[in-house]
Amino acid sequence: MIDWLNVLENSIWLVGLAICLATVSYADWQAHATGVRLRVTLETPSYALALLGGLALVGLGAALSAEQWWARLVWALIAIGAAFAGWWVRANPHQA
């Protein structure tokens, strides 16, 4: 029988990882097309928000699927930190 809860927990971090990969891939294409360095492109608020959102999902999914309490804590702190950083970038787009 399929453990649907396990599928859901793991799909969260996989979606987050896919978001991060797609963001870096698209930013790389745009950086190449405009002649700007990839790092400069990734530092724009829109790309930073996408990366931090993906990282928050990775942390959340990993925290849900971790078995040890300390691993859950570490992943939860990563997710909370990424969510807070995303909020900060959204609130202060010119300081990103």
Protein backbone atom coordinates (compact mmCIF):
# COMPACT_ATOMS: atom_id res chain seq x y z
CA MET A 1 0.00 0.00 0.00
CA ILE A 2 1.18 3.53 -0.79
CA ASP A 3 2.12 5.74 2.14
CA TRP A 4 0.52 8.96 0.91
CA LEU A 5 1.82 11.02 3.81
CA ASN A 6 5.38 10.05 2.91
CA VAL A 7 4.71 10.92 -0.73
CA LEU A 8 3.38 14.35 0.31
CA GLU A 9 6.31 15.05 2.64
CA ASN A 10 8.87 14.19 -0.02
CA SER A 11 7.04 15.98 -2.80
CA ILE A 12 7.32 19.26 -0.88
CA TRP A 13 11.12 19.27 -0.89
CA LEU A 14 11.24 17.98 -4.46
CA VAL A 15 9.05 20.86 -5.66
CA GLY A 16 11.28 23.29 -3.76
CA LEU A 17 14.37 21.82 -5.36
CA ALA A 18 12.73 22.05 -8.80
CA ILE A 19 11.93 25.72 -8.16
CA CYS A 20 15.56 26.41 -7.22
CA LEU A 21 16.87 24.58 -10.29
CA ALA A 22 14.44 26.35 -12.64
CA THR A 23 15.29 29.72 -11.12
CA VAL A 24 19.03 29.26 -11.53
CA SER A 25 18.57 27.90 -15.04
CA TYR A 26 16.42 30.81 -16.18
CA ALA A 27 18.69 33.34 -14.46
CA ASP A 28 21.69 31.79 -16.22
CA TRP A 29 19.94 32.15 -19.57
CA GLN A 30 18.97 35.75 -18.85
CA ALA A 31 22.46 36.63 -17.60
CA HIS A 32 23.98 35.21 -20.77
CA ALA A 33 21.45 37.01 -22.98
CA THR A 34 22.03 40.38 -21.32
CA GLY A 35 25.79 40.03 -20.79
CA VAL A 36 25.52 40.31 -17.02
CA ARG A 37 27.14 37.98 -14.49
CA LEU A 38 24.91 35.24 -13.08
CA ARG A 39 25.51 36.43 -9.52
CA VAL A 40 24.25 39.91 -10.35
CA THR A 41 21.14 38.45 -11.96
CA LEU A 42 20.44 36.17 -8.99
CA GLU A 43 20.74 39.12 -6.60
CA THR A 44 17.70 40.84 -8.11
CA PRO A 45 14.67 40.65 -5.81
CA SER A 46 12.57 38.47 -8.12
CA TYR A 47 15.22 35.77 -8.43
CA ALA A 48 16.16 36.01 -4.77
CA LEU A 49 12.51 35.51 -3.77
CA ALA A 50 12.17 32.48 -6.02
CA LEU A 51 15.37 30.91 -4.67
CA LEU A 52 14.45 31.59 -1.05
CA GLY A 53 10.94 30.27 -1.59
CA GLY A 54 12.37 27.09 -3.08
CA LEU A 55 14.82 26.77 -0.20
CA ALA A 56 12.00 27.24 2.31
CA LEU A 57 10.08 24.41 0.64
CA VAL A 58 13.17 22.18 0.67
CA GLY A 59 13.63 22.85 4.38
CA LEU A 60 9.96 22.28 5.15
CA GLY A 61 9.78 19.02 3.22
CA ALA A 62 13.02 17.74 4.70
CA ALA A 63 11.87 18.67 8.21
CA LEU A 64 8.62 16.78 7.71
CA SER A 65 10.34 13.68 6.38
CA ALA A 66 13.29 13.60 8.83
CA GLU A 67 13.21 10.93 11.50
CA GLN A 68 15.56 12.33 14.17
CA TRP A 69 14.39 15.29 16.23
CA TRP A 70 17.63 17.20 15.73
CA ALA A 71 17.41 16.79 11.94
CA ARG A 72 13.83 18.08 12.03
CA LEU A 73 15.03 21.06 14.06
CA VAL A 74 17.89 21.89 11.70
CA TRP A 75 15.69 21.65 8.59
CA ALA A 76 12.92 23.65 10.27
CA LEU A 77 15.43 26.39 11.14
CA ILE A 78 16.62 26.44 7.52
CA ALA A 79 13.02 26.74 6.32
CA ILE A 80 12.24 29.52 8.81
CA GLY A 81 15.45 31.35 7.94
CA ALA A 82 14.72 31.18 4.22
CA ALA A 83 11.15 32.35 4.77
CA PHE A 84 12.35 35.26 6.90
CA ALA A 85 15.00 36.18 4.31
CA GLY A 86 12.32 36.08 1.60
CA TRP A 87 10.11 38.34 3.69
CA TRP A 88 13.07 40.71 4.16
CA VAL A 89 13.80 40.83 0.43
CA ARG A 90 10.11 41.47 -0.27
CA ALA A 91 9.93 44.25 2.33
CA ASN A 92 13.23 45.86 1.28
CA PRO A 93 13.68 45.20 -2.46
CA HIS A 94 16.36 47.86 -2.95
CA GLN A 95 18.63 46.44 -0.23
CA ALA A 96 18.75 42.90 -1.62
